[in-house]
C-alpha atoms as a PDB file:
ATOM      1  CA  MET A   1     -18.864  13.259  -9.207  1.00  0.00           C
ATOM      2  CA  SER A   2     -17.325  15.964  -7.032  1.00  0.00           C
ATOM      3  CA  SER A   3     -14.623  15.213  -4.515  1.00  0.00           C
ATOM      4  CA  VAL A   4     -17.056  16.112  -1.718  1.00  0.00           C
ATOM      5  CA  GLU A   5     -19.567  13.538  -2.989  1.00  0.00           C
ATOM      6  CA  GLU A   6     -16.813  10.921  -3.301  1.00  0.00           C
ATOM      7  CA  ARG A   7     -15.605  11.639   0.219  1.00  0.00           C
ATOM      8  CA  LEU A   8     -19.139  11.460   1.604  1.00  0.00           C
ATOM      9  CA  ALA A   9     -19.708   8.111  -0.141  1.00  0.00           C
ATOM     10  CA  GLN A  10     -16.440   6.791   1.318  1.00  0.00           C
ATOM     11  CA  LEU A  11     -17.367   7.949   4.817  1.00  0.00           C
ATOM     12  CA  GLU A  12     -20.844   6.435   4.595  1.00  0.00           C
ATOM     13  CA  LEU A  13     -19.326   3.138   3.463  1.00  0.00           C
ATOM     14  CA  ARG A  14     -16.904   3.151   6.404  1.00  0.00           C
ATOM     15  CA  VAL A  15     -19.678   3.924   8.896  1.00  0.00           C
ATOM     16  CA  ALA A  16     -21.822   1.116   7.424  1.00  0.00           C
ATOM     17  CA  GLN A  17     -18.888  -1.286   7.692  1.00  0.00           C
ATOM     18  CA  LEU A  18     -18.169  -0.261  11.284  1.00  0.00           C
ATOM     19  CA  GLU A  19     -21.819  -0.632  12.283  1.00  0.00           C
ATOM     20  CA  GLY A  20     -21.841  -4.075  10.688  1.00  0.00           C
ATOM     21  CA  HIS A  21     -18.571  -4.948  12.476  1.00  0.00           C
ATOM     22  CA  ARG A  22     -16.827  -5.370   9.127  1.00  0.00           C
ATOM     23  CA  PRO A  23     -13.170  -4.471   8.690  1.00  0.00           C
ATOM     24  CA  VAL A  24     -12.624  -1.070   7.117  1.00  0.00           C
ATOM     25  CA  PRO A  25     -10.586  -1.383   3.923  1.00  0.00           C
ATOM     26  CA  ASP A  26      -7.174   0.286   3.793  1.00  0.00           C
ATOM     27  CA  SER A  27      -7.940   1.912   0.441  1.00  0.00           C
ATOM     28  CA  PRO A  28     -11.059   3.923  -0.395  1.00  0.00           C
ATOM     29  CA  SER A  29     -11.043   2.513  -3.942  1.00  0.00           C
ATOM     30  CA  HIS A  30     -12.665  -0.911  -3.614  1.00  0.00           C
ATOM     31  CA  ASP A  31     -12.540  -3.619  -6.238  1.00  0.00           C
ATOM     32  CA  PRO A  32     -16.169  -4.357  -7.222  1.00  0.00           C
ATOM     33  CA  ASP A  33     -15.136  -7.950  -7.976  1.00  0.00           C
ATOM     34  CA  SER A  34     -14.385  -8.538  -4.298  1.00  0.00           C
ATOM     35  CA  ILE A  35     -17.816  -7.585  -2.962  1.00  0.00           C
ATOM     36  CA  ALA A  36     -20.489  -9.755  -1.485  1.00  0.00           C
ATOM     37  CA  PRO A  37     -18.719 -13.034  -0.725  1.00  0.00           C
ATOM     38  CA  SER A  38     -22.173 -14.578  -0.363  1.00  0.00           C
ATOM     39  CA  GLY A  39     -22.681 -13.941  -4.065  1.00  0.00           C
ATOM     40  CA  ARG A  40     -25.420 -11.376  -3.540  1.00  0.00           C
ATOM     41  CA  LEU A  41     -24.622  -7.773  -4.340  1.00  0.00           C
ATOM     42  CA  VAL A  42     -28.180  -6.681  -3.538  1.00  0.00           C
ATOM     43  CA  SER A  43     -30.679  -8.508  -1.348  1.00  0.00           C
ATOM     44  CA  VAL A  44     -34.404  -7.845  -1.527  1.00  0.00           C
ATOM     45  CA  THR A  45     -37.269  -8.074   0.914  1.00  0.00           C
ATOM     46  CA  ILE A  46     -40.778  -8.302  -0.549  1.00  0.00           C
ATOM     47  CA  THR A  47     -43.803  -7.353   1.559  1.00  0.00           C
ATOM     48  CA  ASN A  48     -47.468  -6.498   1.151  1.00  0.00           C
ATOM     49  CA  LYS A  49     -48.299  -8.532  -1.983  1.00  0.00           C
ATOM     50  CA  ARG A  50     -51.781  -7.634  -3.193  1.00  0.00           C
ATOM     51  CA  TYR A  51     -54.147  -8.092  -6.097  1.00  0.00           C
ATOM     52  CA  ASP A  52     -55.891  -5.090  -7.658  1.00  0.00           C
ATOM     53  CA  PRO A  53     -58.742  -6.106  -9.999  1.00  0.00           C
ATOM     54  CA  ALA A  54     -59.890  -3.931 -12.857  1.00  0.00           C
ATOM     55  CA  ASN A  55     -62.629  -1.458 -11.943  1.00  0.00           C
ATOM     56  CA  SER A  56     -64.148   0.510 -14.818  1.00  0.00           C
ATOM     57  CA  ASP A  57     -65.911   2.796 -12.330  1.00  0.00           C
ATOM     58  CA  LEU A  58     -62.472   3.958 -11.205  1.00  0.00           C
ATOM     59  CA  GLY A  59     -61.035   4.036 -14.709  1.00  0.00           C
ATOM     60  CA  THR A  60     -58.829   0.958 -14.286  1.00  0.00           C
ATOM     61  CA  TYR A  61     -59.295  -1.616 -17.026  1.00  0.00           C
ATOM     62  CA  GLU A  62     -56.527  -4.088 -16.181  1.00  0.00           C
ATOM     63  CA  ASP A  63     -55.859  -6.349 -13.209  1.00  0.00           C
ATOM     64  CA  HIS A  64     -52.563  -5.881 -11.357  1.00  0.00           C
ATOM     65  CA  ILE A  65     -50.459  -7.625  -8.750  1.00  0.00           C
ATOM     66  CA  TRP A  66     -48.529  -5.182  -6.539  1.00  0.00           C
ATOM     67  CA  PHE A  67     -45.944  -5.579  -3.792  1.00  0.00           C
ATOM     68  CA  ASP A  68     -43.496  -3.455  -1.845  1.00  0.00           C
ATOM     69  CA  CYS A  69     -39.716  -3.956  -2.133  1.00  0.00           C
ATOM     70  CA  ALA A  70     -36.738  -3.017   0.007  1.00  0.00           C
ATOM     71  CA  TYR A  71     -33.315  -3.444  -1.617  1.00  0.00           C
ATOM     72  CA  THR A  72     -30.155  -3.635   0.503  1.00  0.00           C
ATOM     73  CA  LEU A  73     -26.632  -3.340  -0.888  1.00  0.00           C
ATOM     74  CA  ALA A  74     -24.035  -5.741   0.557  1.00  0.00           C
ATOM     75  CA  ALA A  75     -21.904  -4.239   3.341  1.00  0.00           C
ATOM     76  CA  GLU A  76     -18.715  -5.010   1.406  1.00  0.00           C
ATOM     77  CA  SER A  77     -19.856  -3.086  -1.671  1.00  0.00           C
ATOM     78  CA  VAL A  78     -19.005   0.273  -3.124  1.00  0.00           C
ATOM     79  CA  PRO A  79     -22.072   2.573  -3.155  1.00  0.00           C
ATOM     80  CA  THR A  80     -23.979   2.338  -6.427  1.00  0.00           C
ATOM     81  CA  ARG A  81     -25.413   4.930  -8.753  1.00  0.00           C
ATOM     82  CA  ALA A  82     -27.784   2.497 -10.524  1.00  0.00           C
ATOM     83  CA  VAL A  83     -28.414  -1.247 -10.589  1.00  0.00           C
ATOM     84  CA  LYS A  84     -30.159  -3.354 -13.225  1.00  0.00           C
ATOM     85  CA  GLY A  85     -31.458  -6.837 -12.531  1.00  0.00           C
ATOM     86  CA  THR A  86     -34.296  -9.297 -12.219  1.00  0.00           C
ATOM     87  CA  LEU A  87     -36.642  -9.935  -9.324  1.00  0.00           C
ATOM     88  CA  GLU A  88     -37.033 -13.697  -9.047  1.00  0.00           C
ATOM     89  CA  PHE A  89     -39.910 -15.380  -7.260  1.00  0.00           C
ATOM     90  CA  ALA A  90     -39.320 -19.060  -6.541  1.00  0.00           C
ATOM     91  CA  ASP A  91     -41.291 -21.821  -4.850  1.00  0.00           C
ATOM     92  CA  LEU A  92     -40.066 -23.269  -1.563  1.00  0.00           C
ATOM     93  CA  PHE A  93     -37.838 -25.706  -3.470  1.00  0.00           C
ATOM     94  CA  GLY A  94     -36.012 -22.838  -5.178  1.00  0.00           C
ATOM     95  CA  GLU A  95     -37.580 -23.286  -8.634  1.00  0.00           C
ATOM     96  CA  VAL A  96     -38.010 -19.831 -10.148  1.00  0.00           C
ATOM     97  CA  ARG A  97     -41.651 -19.424 -11.131  1.00  0.00           C
ATOM     98  CA  PHE A  98     -41.794 -15.723 -12.079  1.00  0.00           C
ATOM     99  CA  ARG A  99     -39.273 -13.061 -13.114  1.00  0.00           C
ATOM    100  CA  LEU A 100     -39.646  -9.300 -13.329  1.00  0.00           C
ATOM    101  CA  ASN A 101     -36.898  -7.105 -14.852  1.00  0.00           C
ATOM    102  CA  THR A 102     -36.225  -3.927 -12.930  1.00  0.00           C
ATOM    103  CA  THR A 103     -33.787  -1.028 -12.797  1.00  0.00           C
ATOM    104  CA  LEU A 104     -32.938   0.860  -9.616  1.00  0.00           C
ATOM    105  CA  ASN A 105     -32.092   4.412 -10.691  1.00  0.00           C
ATOM    106  CA  GLU A 106     -31.562   5.544  -7.112  1.00  0.00           C
ATOM    107  CA  SER A 107     -28.233   5.246  -5.317  1.00  0.00           C
ATOM    108  CA  LEU A 108     -27.749   2.354  -2.928  1.00  0.00           C
ATOM    109  CA  MET A 109     -25.524   2.705   0.123  1.00  0.00           C
ATOM    110  CA  PRO A 110     -24.199  -0.446   1.832  1.00  0.00           C
ATOM    111  CA  THR A 111     -26.585  -1.900   4.440  1.00  0.00           C
ATOM    112  CA  ILE A 112     -29.109   0.966   4.054  1.00  0.00           C
ATOM    113  CA  PRO A 113     -32.400  -0.336   2.586  1.00  0.00           C
ATOM    114  CA  LEU A 114     -33.924   1.459  -0.398  1.00  0.00           C
ATOM    115  CA  LYS A 115     -37.704   1.138  -0.137  1.00  0.00           C
ATOM    116  CA  GLN A 116     -39.862   1.026  -3.268  1.00  0.00           C
ATOM    117  CA  PRO A 117     -43.575   0.624  -2.574  1.00  0.00           C
ATOM    118  CA  GLY A 118     -46.035  -0.273  -5.294  1.00  0.00           C
ATOM    119  CA  ILE A 119     -43.935  -2.379  -7.657  1.00  0.00           C
ATOM    120  CA  GLY A 120     -45.984  -4.684  -9.827  1.00  0.00           C
ATOM    121  CA  PHE A 121     -47.219  -5.903 -13.161  1.00  0.00           C
ATOM    122  CA  THR A 122     -50.363  -6.285 -15.229  1.00  0.00           C
ATOM    123  CA  TYR A 123     -51.978  -9.612 -14.355  1.00  0.00           C
ATOM    124  CA  ASN A 124     -53.028 -11.941 -17.186  1.00  0.00           C
ATOM    125  CA  GLN A 125     -55.276 -14.783 -16.037  1.00  0.00           C
ATOM    126  CA  PHE A 126     -54.170 -16.964 -18.968  1.00  0.00           C
ATOM    127  CA  ILE A 127     -50.465 -17.019 -18.029  1.00  0.00           C
ATOM    128  CA  ALA A 128     -49.545 -19.826 -15.619  1.00  0.00           C
ATOM    129  CA  ASP A 129     -46.734 -17.799 -13.951  1.00  0.00           C
ATOM    130  CA  HIS A 130     -49.203 -14.974 -13.261  1.00  0.00           C
ATOM    131  CA  GLN A 131     -51.692 -17.460 -11.788  1.00  0.00           C
ATOM    132  CA  TRP A 132     -48.959 -18.793  -9.495  1.00  0.00           C
ATOM    133  CA  MET A 133     -48.101 -15.253  -8.358  1.00  0.00           C
ATOM    134  CA  LEU A 134     -51.771 -14.565  -7.612  1.00  0.00           C
ATOM    135  CA  VAL A 135     -52.460 -17.633  -5.465  1.00  0.00           C
ATOM    136  CA  THR A 136     -49.101 -18.112  -3.717  1.00  0.00           C
ATOM    137  CA  LYS A 137     -48.557 -16.418  -0.359  1.00  0.00           C
ATOM    138  CA  LEU A 138     -45.309 -14.525   0.240  1.00  0.00           C
ATOM    139  CA  ASP A 139     -44.504 -16.992   3.046  1.00  0.00           C
ATOM    140  CA  ASP A 140     -44.466 -19.716   0.392  1.00  0.00           C
ATOM    141  CA  MET A 141     -42.042 -17.873  -1.910  1.00  0.00           C
ATOM    142  CA  ILE A 142     -38.316 -17.323  -2.004  1.00  0.00           C
ATOM    143  CA  CYS A 143     -37.570 -13.871  -3.439  1.00  0.00           C
ATOM    144  CA  ASN A 144     -34.194 -12.819  -4.856  1.00  0.00           C
ATOM    145  CA  PHE A 145     -32.787  -9.942  -6.849  1.00  0.00           C
ATOM    146  CA  ARG A 146     -30.315 -11.133  -9.474  1.00  0.00           C
ATOM    147  CA  VAL A 147     -28.070  -8.229 -10.505  1.00  0.00           C
ATOM    148  CA  SER A 148     -27.092  -8.074 -14.166  1.00  0.00           C
ATOM    149  CA  GLU A 149     -25.262  -4.746 -14.153  1.00  0.00           C
ATOM    150  CA  ALA A 150     -24.150  -2.170 -11.597  1.00  0.00           C
ATOM    151  CA  LEU A 151     -22.915   1.382 -12.023  1.00  0.00           C
ATOM    152  CA  TYR A 152     -20.899   2.431  -8.995  1.00  0.00           C
ATOM    153  CA  SER A 153     -20.697   5.921  -7.521  1.00  0.00           C
ATOM    154  CA  ASN A 154     -16.913   5.901  -8.051  1.00  0.00           C
ATOM    155  CA  GLY A 155     -17.437   5.795 -11.834  1.00  0.00           C
ATOM    156  CA  THR A 156     -16.777   2.093 -12.359  1.00  0.00           C
ATOM    157  CA  SER A 157     -19.268  -0.483 -13.597  1.00  0.00           C
ATOM    158  CA  LYS A 158     -19.602  -4.252 -13.614  1.00  0.00           C
ATOM    159  CA  THR A 159     -21.648  -6.722 -15.627  1.00  0.00           C
ATOM    160  CA  PHE A 160     -22.687  -9.884 -13.764  1.00  0.00           C
ATOM    161  CA  THR A 161     -23.389 -13.234 -15.401  1.00  0.00           C
END
């Protein structure tokens, strides 16, 4: 990464921290281990869940469940280059009922949502987790993004357990 890109990333991080009323770190080189005291590097908001049945007239031969996602990097974080993780959909008691692996190949800047419309999967009526996803309203789900690995814009990386 060029020094201009690094400087821009540092400035954007400082602006995000100031807007969020967070203290600006003394050093531009953050320790990725110190980010997100809440334990969440990336939060997710899921909207517009919908079912798309197969329609041979339109050339679609599989059913799908689609939804729109917005991912937000924690204010305390270093900007990322890519993030790998799992979308988790849980019932209101926190029991995870469905998981979907995903990779974000777009950079995330702290506190600035990255919108991804039209995320989904092929629906199989014989899989209980798929049935739950079909019939459960978003209001009756808890959605999380569990990060497994992050590549930071400063060249560092971290694996999460």
